[in-house]
N, C-alpha and C. Protein backbone atom coordinates (compact mmCIF):
# COMPACT_ATOMS: atom_id res chain seq x y z
N UNK A 1 115.20 91.04 84.19
CA UNK A 1 114.01 91.03 85.00
C UNK A 1 114.06 92.19 86.00
N UNK A 2 112.95 92.87 86.15
CA UNK A 2 112.88 94.01 87.05
C UNK A 2 112.90 93.57 88.51
N UNK A 3 113.51 94.42 89.34
CA UNK A 3 113.41 94.19 90.78
C UNK A 3 111.96 94.42 91.17
N UNK A 4 111.52 93.70 92.21
CA UNK A 4 110.13 93.85 92.68
C UNK A 4 109.80 95.29 93.02
N UNK A 5 110.75 96.01 93.63
CA UNK A 5 110.45 97.38 94.03
C UNK A 5 110.36 98.31 92.82
N UNK A 6 111.13 98.07 91.78
CA UNK A 6 111.08 98.91 90.59
C UNK A 6 109.70 98.84 89.94
N UNK A 7 109.14 97.66 89.93
CA UNK A 7 107.79 97.46 89.39
C UNK A 7 106.78 98.32 90.17
N UNK A 8 106.92 98.35 91.49
CA UNK A 8 106.03 99.14 92.34
C UNK A 8 106.15 100.62 92.01
N UNK A 9 107.37 101.14 91.91
CA UNK A 9 107.56 102.58 91.62
C UNK A 9 106.98 102.94 90.26
N UNK A 10 107.16 102.05 89.27
CA UNK A 10 106.62 102.30 87.94
C UNK A 10 105.10 102.40 87.97
N UNK A 11 104.46 101.48 88.70
CA UNK A 11 102.99 101.50 88.80
C UNK A 11 102.53 102.74 89.55
N UNK A 12 103.20 103.09 90.65
CA UNK A 12 102.82 104.30 91.39
C UNK A 12 102.94 105.53 90.50
N UNK A 13 104.02 105.62 89.75
CA UNK A 13 104.19 106.76 88.84
C UNK A 13 103.11 106.77 87.76
N UNK A 14 102.81 105.62 87.21
CA UNK A 14 101.78 105.52 86.18
C UNK A 14 100.41 105.95 86.72
N UNK A 15 100.14 105.64 88.00
CA UNK A 15 98.88 106.00 88.63
C UNK A 15 98.88 107.43 89.19
N UNK A 16 100.00 108.15 88.97
CA UNK A 16 100.16 109.50 89.51
C UNK A 16 100.02 109.53 91.03
N UNK A 17 100.64 108.55 91.68
CA UNK A 17 100.65 108.48 93.14
C UNK A 17 102.03 108.92 93.61
N UNK A 18 102.05 110.02 94.35
CA UNK A 18 103.31 110.51 94.90
C UNK A 18 103.71 109.62 96.08
N UNK A 19 105.01 109.42 96.23
CA UNK A 19 105.49 108.61 97.34
C UNK A 19 106.82 109.13 97.85
N UNK A 20 107.08 108.82 99.10
CA UNK A 20 108.38 109.10 99.72
C UNK A 20 109.03 107.74 99.94
N UNK A 21 110.28 107.61 99.56
CA UNK A 21 110.98 106.33 99.65
C UNK A 21 112.12 106.45 100.66
N UNK A 22 112.20 105.48 101.56
CA UNK A 22 113.32 105.40 102.50
C UNK A 22 113.99 104.05 102.32
N UNK A 23 115.30 104.07 102.08
CA UNK A 23 116.10 102.85 101.96
C UNK A 23 116.70 102.55 103.34
N UNK A 24 116.76 101.27 103.69
CA UNK A 24 117.28 100.88 105.00
C UNK A 24 117.74 99.43 104.93
N UNK A 25 118.44 98.97 105.97
CA UNK A 25 118.82 97.55 106.00
C UNK A 25 117.57 96.67 106.02
N UNK A 26 117.72 95.42 105.67
CA UNK A 26 116.60 94.48 105.69
C UNK A 26 116.00 94.42 107.09
N UNK A 27 114.66 94.48 107.13
CA UNK A 27 113.94 94.40 108.40
C UNK A 27 112.93 93.26 108.32
N UNK A 28 112.66 92.66 109.49
CA UNK A 28 111.76 91.51 109.51
C UNK A 28 110.62 91.67 110.51
N UNK A 29 110.66 92.76 111.28
CA UNK A 29 109.59 93.02 112.24
C UNK A 29 109.17 94.48 112.12
N UNK A 30 107.98 94.79 112.63
CA UNK A 30 107.49 96.16 112.65
C UNK A 30 108.44 97.03 113.47
N UNK A 31 108.94 96.48 114.57
CA UNK A 31 109.84 97.24 115.44
C UNK A 31 111.14 97.61 114.72
N UNK A 32 111.69 96.68 113.97
CA UNK A 32 112.91 96.97 113.21
C UNK A 32 112.64 98.04 112.16
N UNK A 33 111.52 97.91 111.47
CA UNK A 33 111.17 98.89 110.43
C UNK A 33 110.95 100.27 111.05
N UNK A 34 110.25 100.31 112.19
CA UNK A 34 109.99 101.59 112.86
C UNK A 34 111.28 102.32 113.20
N UNK A 35 112.28 101.57 113.62
CA UNK A 35 113.56 102.20 113.98
C UNK A 35 114.19 102.87 112.76
N UNK A 36 114.03 102.28 111.60
CA UNK A 36 114.63 102.82 110.36
C UNK A 36 113.87 104.03 109.83
N UNK A 37 112.60 104.15 110.17
CA UNK A 37 111.78 105.22 109.60
C UNK A 37 111.20 106.14 110.67
N UNK A 38 111.81 106.14 111.85
CA UNK A 38 111.24 106.83 113.01
C UNK A 38 111.05 108.34 112.81
N UNK A 39 111.79 108.96 111.94
CA UNK A 39 111.65 110.40 111.73
C UNK A 39 110.69 110.76 110.60
N UNK A 40 110.01 109.78 110.05
CA UNK A 40 109.09 110.02 108.93
C UNK A 40 107.65 110.12 109.41
N UNK A 41 106.91 111.01 108.77
CA UNK A 41 105.50 111.19 109.10
C UNK A 41 104.68 110.08 108.47
N UNK A 42 103.71 109.58 109.22
CA UNK A 42 102.79 108.58 108.69
C UNK A 42 102.65 107.39 109.60
N UNK A 43 101.54 106.69 109.44
CA UNK A 43 101.27 105.52 110.26
C UNK A 43 102.08 104.34 109.75
N UNK A 44 102.59 103.58 110.68
CA UNK A 44 103.34 102.37 110.35
C UNK A 44 102.33 101.23 110.28
N UNK A 45 102.33 100.51 109.21
CA UNK A 45 101.37 99.43 109.06
C UNK A 45 102.02 98.07 109.25
N UNK A 46 101.16 97.13 109.52
CA UNK A 46 101.53 95.73 109.55
C UNK A 46 100.61 95.11 108.50
N UNK A 47 101.19 94.51 107.48
CA UNK A 47 100.41 93.86 106.43
C UNK A 47 100.65 92.37 106.54
N UNK A 48 99.56 91.64 106.75
CA UNK A 48 99.67 90.21 106.99
C UNK A 48 98.98 89.42 105.88
N UNK A 49 99.61 88.34 105.47
CA UNK A 49 99.04 87.46 104.46
C UNK A 49 98.61 86.18 105.16
N UNK A 50 97.30 85.94 105.17
CA UNK A 50 96.71 84.84 105.93
C UNK A 50 95.91 83.93 105.01
N UNK A 51 95.57 82.76 105.54
CA UNK A 51 94.74 81.83 104.78
C UNK A 51 93.90 80.98 105.72
N UNK A 52 92.94 80.27 105.14
CA UNK A 52 92.12 79.36 105.95
C UNK A 52 92.91 78.07 106.19
N UNK A 53 92.31 77.17 106.97
CA UNK A 53 93.04 75.96 107.37
C UNK A 53 93.44 75.07 106.20
N UNK A 54 92.71 75.14 105.08
CA UNK A 54 93.04 74.31 103.92
C UNK A 54 93.83 75.05 102.85
N UNK A 55 94.22 76.30 103.15
CA UNK A 55 94.97 77.14 102.21
C UNK A 55 94.25 77.27 100.87
N UNK A 56 92.94 77.50 100.96
CA UNK A 56 92.13 77.70 99.75
C UNK A 56 91.67 79.15 99.63
N UNK A 57 91.50 79.83 100.76
CA UNK A 57 91.05 81.22 100.79
C UNK A 57 92.18 82.06 101.37
N UNK A 58 92.55 83.16 100.66
CA UNK A 58 93.67 83.98 101.08
C UNK A 58 93.23 85.40 101.41
N UNK A 59 93.86 85.96 102.44
CA UNK A 59 93.48 87.26 102.98
C UNK A 59 94.72 88.12 103.16
N UNK A 60 94.62 89.38 102.74
CA UNK A 60 95.64 90.38 103.03
C UNK A 60 94.98 91.38 103.97
N UNK A 61 95.56 91.55 105.15
CA UNK A 61 94.98 92.47 106.12
C UNK A 61 95.99 93.54 106.48
N UNK A 62 95.53 94.78 106.46
CA UNK A 62 96.38 95.93 106.74
C UNK A 62 95.91 96.55 108.05
N UNK A 63 96.80 96.59 109.03
CA UNK A 63 96.47 97.13 110.35
C UNK A 63 97.56 98.09 110.81
N UNK A 64 97.20 98.90 111.79
CA UNK A 64 98.18 99.76 112.46
C UNK A 64 99.25 98.83 113.04
N UNK A 65 100.50 99.17 112.82
CA UNK A 65 101.60 98.34 113.31
C UNK A 65 101.61 98.14 114.80
N UNK A 66 100.93 99.00 115.54
CA UNK A 66 100.88 98.89 117.00
C UNK A 66 99.86 97.86 117.46
N UNK A 67 98.94 97.51 116.61
CA UNK A 67 97.87 96.58 117.00
C UNK A 67 98.36 95.15 117.06
N UNK A 68 97.81 94.43 118.02
CA UNK A 68 98.06 93.00 118.13
C UNK A 68 96.80 92.31 117.64
N UNK A 69 96.96 91.42 116.71
CA UNK A 69 95.83 90.75 116.09
C UNK A 69 95.46 89.49 116.85
N UNK A 70 94.20 89.33 117.16
CA UNK A 70 93.69 88.11 117.77
C UNK A 70 93.15 87.26 116.62
N UNK A 71 93.89 86.23 116.27
CA UNK A 71 93.55 85.43 115.10
C UNK A 71 92.20 84.72 115.25
N UNK A 72 91.88 84.26 116.46
CA UNK A 72 90.60 83.58 116.66
C UNK A 72 89.44 84.53 116.42
N UNK A 73 89.53 85.74 116.97
CA UNK A 73 88.46 86.72 116.79
C UNK A 73 88.37 87.17 115.33
N UNK A 74 89.53 87.35 114.70
CA UNK A 74 89.54 87.74 113.29
C UNK A 74 88.92 86.64 112.44
N UNK A 75 89.25 85.40 112.73
CA UNK A 75 88.70 84.25 112.00
C UNK A 75 87.17 84.24 112.09
N UNK A 76 86.65 84.48 113.28
CA UNK A 76 85.20 84.51 113.47
C UNK A 76 84.58 85.70 112.74
N UNK A 77 85.21 86.86 112.85
CA UNK A 77 84.68 88.06 112.21
C UNK A 77 84.61 87.90 110.69
N UNK A 78 85.64 87.29 110.11
CA UNK A 78 85.70 87.12 108.66
C UNK A 78 85.00 85.84 108.19
N UNK A 79 84.56 85.05 109.15
CA UNK A 79 83.89 83.77 108.86
C UNK A 79 84.78 82.86 108.01
N UNK A 80 86.03 82.79 108.43
CA UNK A 80 87.01 81.93 107.76
C UNK A 80 87.52 80.94 108.81
N UNK A 81 87.37 79.66 108.53
CA UNK A 81 87.75 78.62 109.48
C UNK A 81 89.26 78.59 109.69
N UNK A 82 89.65 78.65 110.93
CA UNK A 82 91.05 78.56 111.36
C UNK A 82 92.02 79.40 110.54
N UNK A 83 91.85 80.68 110.63
CA UNK A 83 92.74 81.62 109.94
C UNK A 83 94.15 81.46 110.49
N UNK A 84 95.12 81.44 109.60
CA UNK A 84 96.52 81.26 109.99
C UNK A 84 97.41 82.01 109.01
N UNK A 85 98.67 82.16 109.36
CA UNK A 85 99.61 82.77 108.43
C UNK A 85 99.82 81.82 107.25
N UNK A 86 99.80 82.38 106.06
CA UNK A 86 100.03 81.58 104.86
C UNK A 86 101.49 81.15 104.82
N UNK A 87 101.74 80.03 104.20
CA UNK A 87 103.11 79.52 104.08
C UNK A 87 103.94 80.40 103.15
N UNK A 88 105.24 80.28 103.28
CA UNK A 88 106.15 81.02 102.39
C UNK A 88 105.89 80.63 100.93
N UNK A 89 105.56 79.36 100.72
CA UNK A 89 105.26 78.88 99.37
C UNK A 89 104.03 79.57 98.80
N UNK A 90 102.96 79.67 99.60
CA UNK A 90 101.74 80.33 99.12
C UNK A 90 101.93 81.84 98.98
N UNK A 91 102.75 82.42 99.84
CA UNK A 91 103.06 83.85 99.72
C UNK A 91 103.75 84.11 98.38
N UNK A 92 104.68 83.26 98.02
CA UNK A 92 105.39 83.39 96.73
C UNK A 92 104.42 83.15 95.57
N UNK A 93 103.60 82.12 95.68
CA UNK A 93 102.68 81.74 94.61
C UNK A 93 101.61 82.82 94.37
N UNK A 94 101.03 83.35 95.43
CA UNK A 94 99.91 84.30 95.30
C UNK A 94 100.34 85.75 95.14
N UNK A 95 101.41 86.16 95.84
CA UNK A 95 101.81 87.58 95.81
C UNK A 95 103.21 87.80 95.24
N UNK A 96 103.91 86.72 94.95
CA UNK A 96 105.26 86.84 94.40
C UNK A 96 106.25 87.42 95.39
N UNK A 97 105.99 87.22 96.70
CA UNK A 97 106.82 87.84 97.73
C UNK A 97 107.50 86.81 98.61
N UNK A 98 108.55 87.27 99.29
CA UNK A 98 109.24 86.47 100.28
C UNK A 98 108.79 86.92 101.68
N UNK A 99 108.89 86.05 102.66
CA UNK A 99 108.55 86.46 104.02
C UNK A 99 109.35 87.70 104.43
N UNK A 100 108.71 88.59 105.17
CA UNK A 100 109.36 89.83 105.59
C UNK A 100 109.08 91.00 104.67
N UNK A 101 108.48 90.73 103.51
CA UNK A 101 108.22 91.82 102.57
C UNK A 101 106.74 91.90 102.17
N UNK A 102 105.87 91.33 102.98
CA UNK A 102 104.43 91.35 102.68
C UNK A 102 103.96 92.80 102.62
N UNK A 103 103.20 93.09 101.58
CA UNK A 103 102.80 94.47 101.32
C UNK A 103 101.54 94.52 100.46
N UNK A 104 100.85 95.62 100.58
CA UNK A 104 99.73 95.93 99.69
C UNK A 104 100.15 95.77 98.23
N UNK A 105 101.37 96.15 97.94
CA UNK A 105 101.86 96.15 96.56
C UNK A 105 102.07 94.74 96.00
N UNK A 106 102.05 93.72 96.84
CA UNK A 106 102.11 92.34 96.37
C UNK A 106 100.91 91.99 95.51
N UNK A 107 99.81 92.75 95.66
CA UNK A 107 98.62 92.51 94.85
C UNK A 107 98.91 92.69 93.35
N UNK A 108 99.96 93.42 93.03
CA UNK A 108 100.37 93.57 91.62
C UNK A 108 100.68 92.21 91.00
N UNK A 109 101.09 91.25 91.83
CA UNK A 109 101.49 89.93 91.35
C UNK A 109 100.38 88.89 91.43
N UNK A 110 99.22 89.27 91.94
CA UNK A 110 98.11 88.32 92.11
C UNK A 110 97.22 88.35 90.88
N UNK A 111 97.63 87.63 89.86
CA UNK A 111 96.91 87.64 88.58
C UNK A 111 95.48 87.13 88.70
N UNK A 112 95.25 86.19 89.62
CA UNK A 112 93.92 85.62 89.78
C UNK A 112 92.97 86.56 90.50
N UNK A 113 93.51 87.58 91.15
CA UNK A 113 92.71 88.53 91.95
C UNK A 113 91.82 87.79 92.94
N UNK A 114 92.40 86.78 93.58
CA UNK A 114 91.64 85.96 94.51
C UNK A 114 92.03 86.17 95.98
N UNK A 115 92.74 87.25 96.25
CA UNK A 115 93.10 87.59 97.62
C UNK A 115 92.09 88.61 98.14
N UNK A 116 91.49 88.31 99.29
CA UNK A 116 90.55 89.22 99.92
C UNK A 116 91.33 90.27 100.70
N UNK A 117 90.92 91.53 100.59
CA UNK A 117 91.66 92.62 101.24
C UNK A 117 90.80 93.24 102.34
N UNK A 118 91.38 93.32 103.54
CA UNK A 118 90.71 93.94 104.69
C UNK A 118 91.62 95.01 105.26
N UNK A 119 91.02 96.12 105.63
CA UNK A 119 91.77 97.26 106.18
C UNK A 119 91.17 97.62 107.52
N UNK A 120 92.03 97.77 108.51
CA UNK A 120 91.60 98.14 109.86
C UNK A 120 91.03 99.56 109.84
N UNK A 121 89.81 99.71 110.34
CA UNK A 121 89.15 101.03 110.36
C UNK A 121 89.94 102.07 111.14
N UNK A 122 90.76 101.64 112.07
CA UNK A 122 91.50 102.59 112.90
C UNK A 122 92.50 103.43 112.10
N UNK A 123 92.84 103.00 110.89
CA UNK A 123 93.81 103.77 110.10
C UNK A 123 93.16 104.71 109.09
N UNK A 124 91.84 104.61 108.92
CA UNK A 124 91.19 105.37 107.85
C UNK A 124 91.23 106.88 108.06
N UNK A 125 91.48 107.34 109.27
CA UNK A 125 91.55 108.79 109.51
C UNK A 125 92.98 109.33 109.39
N UNK A 126 93.92 108.45 109.16
CA UNK A 126 95.31 108.87 108.99
C UNK A 126 95.48 109.52 107.61
N UNK A 127 96.53 110.30 107.48
CA UNK A 127 96.78 110.96 106.20
C UNK A 127 97.82 110.21 105.36
N UNK A 128 98.86 109.71 106.03
CA UNK A 128 99.97 109.05 105.34
C UNK A 128 100.11 107.64 105.91
N UNK A 129 100.42 106.69 105.02
CA UNK A 129 100.56 105.28 105.40
C UNK A 129 101.84 104.72 104.79
N UNK A 130 102.39 103.70 105.41
CA UNK A 130 103.65 103.13 104.90
C UNK A 130 103.52 101.65 104.57
N UNK A 131 104.27 101.25 103.56
CA UNK A 131 104.34 99.85 103.13
C UNK A 131 105.73 99.57 102.60
N UNK A 132 106.14 98.31 102.64
CA UNK A 132 107.33 97.91 101.90
C UNK A 132 106.94 97.85 100.42
N UNK A 133 107.84 98.25 99.53
CA UNK A 133 107.55 98.13 98.09
C UNK A 133 107.93 96.74 97.56
N UNK A 134 107.43 95.71 98.25
CA UNK A 134 107.66 94.29 97.91
C UNK A 134 109.08 93.81 98.18
N UNK A 135 109.86 94.63 98.87
CA UNK A 135 111.17 94.24 99.39
C UNK A 135 111.28 94.83 100.79
N UNK A 136 112.00 94.15 101.68
CA UNK A 136 112.08 94.64 103.05
C UNK A 136 113.29 95.52 103.33
N UNK A 137 113.86 96.08 102.28
CA UNK A 137 115.00 97.00 102.43
C UNK A 137 114.60 98.44 102.08
N UNK A 138 113.31 98.66 101.94
CA UNK A 138 112.80 99.99 101.62
C UNK A 138 111.40 100.13 102.22
N UNK A 139 111.03 101.37 102.46
CA UNK A 139 109.68 101.68 102.91
C UNK A 139 109.17 102.83 102.08
N UNK A 140 107.92 102.72 101.63
CA UNK A 140 107.27 103.74 100.83
C UNK A 140 106.14 104.36 101.65
N UNK A 141 106.07 105.67 101.63
CA UNK A 141 104.98 106.40 102.28
C UNK A 141 104.10 107.01 101.20
N UNK A 142 102.79 106.75 101.31
CA UNK A 142 101.83 107.32 100.38
C UNK A 142 100.65 107.87 101.18
N UNK A 143 99.83 108.67 100.52
CA UNK A 143 98.61 109.15 101.16
C UNK A 143 97.63 107.99 101.27
N UNK A 144 96.85 108.01 102.35
CA UNK A 144 95.80 106.99 102.52
C UNK A 144 94.87 106.99 101.31
N UNK A 145 94.51 108.17 100.85
CA UNK A 145 93.62 108.26 99.69
C UNK A 145 94.23 107.57 98.47
N UNK A 146 95.56 107.61 98.37
CA UNK A 146 96.23 106.93 97.25
C UNK A 146 96.26 105.41 97.44
N UNK A 147 96.21 104.95 98.69
CA UNK A 147 96.10 103.51 98.93
C UNK A 147 94.78 103.01 98.33
N UNK A 148 93.70 103.75 98.60
CA UNK A 148 92.40 103.37 98.04
C UNK A 148 92.41 103.46 96.52
N UNK A 149 93.05 104.50 96.00
CA UNK A 149 93.17 104.67 94.55
C UNK A 149 93.91 103.47 93.94
N UNK A 150 95.00 103.07 94.57
CA UNK A 150 95.78 101.93 94.10
C UNK A 150 94.89 100.68 94.01
N UNK A 151 94.15 100.40 95.08
CA UNK A 151 93.26 99.24 95.10
C UNK A 151 92.20 99.33 94.00
N UNK A 152 91.62 100.49 93.84
CA UNK A 152 90.59 100.67 92.83
C UNK A 152 91.15 100.54 91.42
N UNK A 153 92.33 101.10 91.18
CA UNK A 153 92.96 100.99 89.86
C UNK A 153 93.25 99.53 89.50
N UNK A 154 93.58 98.72 90.52
CA UNK A 154 93.83 97.29 90.29
C UNK A 154 92.54 96.48 90.29
N UNK A 155 91.43 97.15 90.53
CA UNK A 155 90.11 96.53 90.56
C UNK A 155 89.98 95.52 91.70
N UNK A 156 90.50 95.89 92.88
CA UNK A 156 90.36 95.08 94.08
C UNK A 156 89.28 95.66 94.97
N UNK A 157 88.38 94.80 95.40
CA UNK A 157 87.41 95.18 96.42
C UNK A 157 88.12 95.07 97.76
N UNK A 158 87.73 95.88 98.70
CA UNK A 158 88.30 95.79 100.04
C UNK A 158 87.19 96.08 101.04
N UNK A 159 87.42 95.65 102.26
CA UNK A 159 86.44 95.88 103.31
C UNK A 159 87.15 96.47 104.52
N UNK A 160 86.51 97.48 105.10
CA UNK A 160 87.02 98.08 106.32
C UNK A 160 86.45 97.28 107.49
N UNK A 161 87.32 96.88 108.41
CA UNK A 161 86.86 96.13 109.59
C UNK A 161 87.47 96.73 110.84
N UNK A 162 86.83 96.53 111.96
CA UNK A 162 87.36 97.00 113.23
C UNK A 162 88.22 95.90 113.84
N UNK A 163 89.49 96.19 113.96
CA UNK A 163 90.43 95.24 114.55
C UNK A 163 90.83 95.69 115.94
N UNK A 164 91.07 96.98 116.10
CA UNK A 164 91.60 97.53 117.35
C UNK A 164 90.67 97.36 118.54
N UNK A 165 89.39 97.18 118.31
CA UNK A 165 88.42 97.08 119.40
C UNK A 165 88.48 95.73 120.12
N UNK A 166 89.26 94.79 119.64
CA UNK A 166 89.30 93.47 120.25
C UNK A 166 90.17 93.49 121.46
């Protein structure tokens, strides 16, 4: 069985998406990850996997790692009742990931394509963006334009929303 990160690199290569890879110890917070990649160019992201109160609707939101998310305001903006962090069980079931490794690339494992994707507008002017390649011991840097390409190649709709203004 392939490692989760190997699957990501294969897909990126197949899509002709160039990436920079940094290996580091396991990290569980944006601050820990930032310390490992501090000399690399690109915006540090925070990718969160959320759900409604009944765990029926799932959301992947990508924001600047510096932003603090107001869950109540986000819940109202997205019109999702009581938005909360999805359980480790639902994270595994929907994205095939473990806590600490939530990433855009987890969408590769969402066969149902039932995860809604939202991207913070504050990052759209950046050139380079970072994500874990479905493991928290590595960070991948890609062009923002390639993030959109990745989503389109997987046939995922996404919506740009303003998060930082809250």
